[in-house]
């Protein structure tokens, strides 16, 4: 039973930073695992923000967050992170941790004013 539990969201002023965390449990870290972050703002489509792929040892970032957001993973803690710097009001959304594009957490709200 895969569980993804996000935390770290909140309200910040533009230019500020937040670090989101996602504790991953019940997930089999195969050679080709995929973990990432999606977001959805009210009235907008869901957007892939950042993903990391173990098989390719690569990361992907949406153009809108490149240079500002960094995805990382702590294997020992089985925790996925999203460091968000230079936040903008348009980053306001519910952020979801996702595994294999199949398993989703409940989300954590980020509000930038």
C-alpha atoms as a PDB file:
ATOM      1  CA  UNK A   1       0.000   0.000   0.000  1.00  0.00           C
ATOM      2  CA  UNK A   2       1.756   3.117  -1.276  1.00  0.00           C
ATOM      3  CA  UNK A   3       1.405   6.219   0.853  1.00  0.00           C
ATOM      4  CA  UNK A   4       2.717   9.671   0.058  1.00  0.00           C
ATOM      5  CA  UNK A   5       2.402  12.318   2.754  1.00  0.00           C
ATOM      6  CA  UNK A   6       3.299  15.899   1.898  1.00  0.00           C
ATOM      7  CA  UNK A   7       4.180  18.706   4.265  1.00  0.00           C
ATOM      8  CA  UNK A   8       5.881  22.080   4.230  1.00  0.00           C
ATOM      9  CA  UNK A   9       3.315  24.186   2.434  1.00  0.00           C
ATOM     10  CA  UNK A  10       2.254  27.586   3.715  1.00  0.00           C
ATOM     11  CA  UNK A  11       1.863  31.251   2.939  1.00  0.00           C
ATOM     12  CA  UNK A  12       4.847  33.354   1.927  1.00  0.00           C
ATOM     13  CA  UNK A  13       5.515  36.675   0.299  1.00  0.00           C
ATOM     14  CA  UNK A  14       6.789  36.895  -3.245  1.00  0.00           C
ATOM     15  CA  UNK A  15      10.517  36.269  -3.355  1.00  0.00           C
ATOM     16  CA  UNK A  16      10.397  33.944  -0.393  1.00  0.00           C
ATOM     17  CA  UNK A  17      11.218  30.254  -0.126  1.00  0.00           C
ATOM     18  CA  UNK A  18       9.580  27.051   1.005  1.00  0.00           C
ATOM     19  CA  UNK A  19      10.693  23.443   1.126  1.00  0.00           C
ATOM     20  CA  UNK A  20       8.112  20.765   0.565  1.00  0.00           C
ATOM     21  CA  UNK A  21       8.641  17.256   1.883  1.00  0.00           C
ATOM     22  CA  UNK A  22       6.985  13.992   0.950  1.00  0.00           C
ATOM     23  CA  UNK A  23       7.443  10.860   3.030  1.00  0.00           C
ATOM     24  CA  UNK A  24       7.169   7.793   0.815  1.00  0.00           C
ATOM     25  CA  UNK A  25       6.071   4.460   2.258  1.00  0.00           C
ATOM     26  CA  UNK A  26       5.006   1.137   0.776  1.00  0.00           C
ATOM     27  CA  UNK A  27       6.658   2.007  -2.518  1.00  0.00           C
ATOM     28  CA  UNK A  28       9.078  -0.353  -4.240  1.00  0.00           C
ATOM     29  CA  UNK A  29      12.069   1.623  -5.394  1.00  0.00           C
ATOM     30  CA  UNK A  30      12.855  -0.273  -8.563  1.00  0.00           C
ATOM     31  CA  UNK A  31      15.700   0.574 -10.933  1.00  0.00           C
ATOM     32  CA  UNK A  32      13.345   2.706 -12.945  1.00  0.00           C
ATOM     33  CA  UNK A  33      11.413   4.600 -10.325  1.00  0.00           C
ATOM     34  CA  UNK A  34       9.834   7.963 -10.972  1.00  0.00           C
ATOM     35  CA  UNK A  35       9.006  10.457  -8.235  1.00  0.00           C
ATOM     36  CA  UNK A  36       7.857  13.981  -8.677  1.00  0.00           C
ATOM     37  CA  UNK A  37       5.744  16.979  -7.838  1.00  0.00           C
ATOM     38  CA  UNK A  38       2.643  18.242  -9.589  1.00  0.00           C
ATOM     39  CA  UNK A  39       0.567  21.294  -8.797  1.00  0.00           C
ATOM     40  CA  UNK A  40      -2.912  22.553  -9.514  1.00  0.00           C
ATOM     41  CA  UNK A  41      -4.246  26.042  -9.069  1.00  0.00           C
ATOM     42  CA  UNK A  42      -7.978  26.812  -8.916  1.00  0.00           C
ATOM     43  CA  UNK A  43      -9.465  26.866 -12.386  1.00  0.00           C
ATOM     44  CA  UNK A  44      -6.252  25.628 -14.004  1.00  0.00           C
ATOM     45  CA  UNK A  45      -5.071  22.291 -15.326  1.00  0.00           C
ATOM     46  CA  UNK A  46      -2.771  20.096 -13.314  1.00  0.00           C
ATOM     47  CA  UNK A  47       0.884  20.802 -14.122  1.00  0.00           C
ATOM     48  CA  UNK A  48       3.982  18.698 -13.719  1.00  0.00           C
ATOM     49  CA  UNK A  49       6.497  20.769 -11.780  1.00  0.00           C
ATOM     50  CA  UNK A  50       9.502  18.507 -11.300  1.00  0.00           C
ATOM     51  CA  UNK A  51      10.279  14.803 -11.642  1.00  0.00           C
ATOM     52  CA  UNK A  52      13.246  12.611 -11.039  1.00  0.00           C
ATOM     53  CA  UNK A  53      13.945   9.301 -12.773  1.00  0.00           C
ATOM     54  CA  UNK A  54      16.316   6.809 -11.262  1.00  0.00           C
ATOM     55  CA  UNK A  55      16.808   4.702 -14.364  1.00  0.00           C
ATOM     56  CA  UNK A  56      18.052   7.677 -16.319  1.00  0.00           C
ATOM     57  CA  UNK A  57      19.415   9.414 -13.234  1.00  0.00           C
ATOM     58  CA  UNK A  58      17.843  12.561 -14.555  1.00  0.00           C
ATOM     59  CA  UNK A  59      15.486  15.293 -13.509  1.00  0.00           C
ATOM     60  CA  UNK A  60      12.821  17.273 -15.301  1.00  0.00           C
ATOM     61  CA  UNK A  61      11.566  20.761 -14.511  1.00  0.00           C
ATOM     62  CA  UNK A  62       8.724  22.745 -15.979  1.00  0.00           C
ATOM     63  CA  UNK A  63       9.993  25.841 -17.768  1.00  0.00           C
ATOM     64  CA  UNK A  64       8.083  28.011 -15.322  1.00  0.00           C
ATOM     65  CA  UNK A  65      10.178  26.800 -12.363  1.00  0.00           C
ATOM     66  CA  UNK A  66      13.596  26.164 -13.890  1.00  0.00           C
ATOM     67  CA  UNK A  67      16.333  27.856 -11.936  1.00  0.00           C
ATOM     68  CA  UNK A  68      14.055  28.412  -8.943  1.00  0.00           C
ATOM     69  CA  UNK A  69      12.932  24.942  -7.834  1.00  0.00           C
ATOM     70  CA  UNK A  70      15.095  21.924  -7.003  1.00  0.00           C
ATOM     71  CA  UNK A  71      13.893  18.357  -6.553  1.00  0.00           C
ATOM     72  CA  UNK A  72      15.864  15.962  -4.405  1.00  0.00           C
ATOM     73  CA  UNK A  73      15.489  12.685  -2.572  1.00  0.00           C
ATOM     74  CA  UNK A  74      16.924  11.331   0.665  1.00  0.00           C
ATOM     75  CA  UNK A  75      17.168   7.563   0.255  1.00  0.00           C
ATOM     76  CA  UNK A  76      17.724   6.879   3.950  1.00  0.00           C
ATOM     77  CA  UNK A  77      14.671   8.882   4.962  1.00  0.00           C
ATOM     78  CA  UNK A  78      12.627   7.814   1.933  1.00  0.00           C
ATOM     79  CA  UNK A  79      11.655  11.419   1.558  1.00  0.00           C
ATOM     80  CA  UNK A  80      11.229  13.511  -1.555  1.00  0.00           C
ATOM     81  CA  UNK A  81      11.840  17.246  -1.378  1.00  0.00           C
ATOM     82  CA  UNK A  82      11.032  20.289  -3.452  1.00  0.00           C
ATOM     83  CA  UNK A  83      13.056  23.373  -2.598  1.00  0.00           C
ATOM     84  CA  UNK A  84      11.244  26.419  -3.942  1.00  0.00           C
ATOM     85  CA  UNK A  85      13.050  29.749  -4.098  1.00  0.00           C
ATOM     86  CA  UNK A  86      12.137  33.133  -5.530  1.00  0.00           C
ATOM     87  CA  UNK A  87       8.482  32.262  -5.243  1.00  0.00           C
ATOM     88  CA  UNK A  88       5.971  34.146  -7.357  1.00  0.00           C
ATOM     89  CA  UNK A  89       2.222  34.642  -6.916  1.00  0.00           C
ATOM     90  CA  UNK A  90       1.675  32.385  -9.930  1.00  0.00           C
ATOM     91  CA  UNK A  91       3.263  29.543  -7.955  1.00  0.00           C
ATOM     92  CA  UNK A  92       0.194  29.525  -5.723  1.00  0.00           C
ATOM     93  CA  UNK A  93      -1.369  26.074  -5.968  1.00  0.00           C
ATOM     94  CA  UNK A  94      -1.949  22.766  -4.249  1.00  0.00           C
ATOM     95  CA  UNK A  95       1.227  20.729  -4.592  1.00  0.00           C
ATOM     96  CA  UNK A  96       1.080  16.954  -4.867  1.00  0.00           C
ATOM     97  CA  UNK A  97       3.753  14.318  -4.460  1.00  0.00           C
ATOM     98  CA  UNK A  98       3.443  11.611  -7.108  1.00  0.00           C
ATOM     99  CA  UNK A  99       5.053   8.195  -7.610  1.00  0.00           C
ATOM    100  CA  UNK A 100       5.156   6.557 -11.034  1.00  0.00           C
ATOM    101  CA  UNK A 101       2.501   9.048 -12.168  1.00  0.00           C
ATOM    102  CA  UNK A 102       0.075   6.672 -10.489  1.00  0.00           C
ATOM    103  CA  UNK A 103       0.179   7.184  -6.730  1.00  0.00           C
ATOM    104  CA  UNK A 104      -0.732  10.600  -5.348  1.00  0.00           C
ATOM    105  CA  UNK A 105      -0.519  12.270  -1.979  1.00  0.00           C
ATOM    106  CA  UNK A 106      -3.281  14.488  -0.634  1.00  0.00           C
ATOM    107  CA  UNK A 107      -1.378  17.654  -1.335  1.00  0.00           C
ATOM    108  CA  UNK A 108      -0.057  20.652   0.529  1.00  0.00           C
ATOM    109  CA  UNK A 109      -1.164  24.209  -0.169  1.00  0.00           C
ATOM    110  CA  UNK A 110       1.316  26.879  -1.215  1.00  0.00           C
ATOM    111  CA  UNK A 111       0.136  30.487  -1.279  1.00  0.00           C
ATOM    112  CA  UNK A 112       2.375  33.302  -2.492  1.00  0.00           C
ATOM    113  CA  UNK A 113       1.223  36.892  -2.099  1.00  0.00           C
END
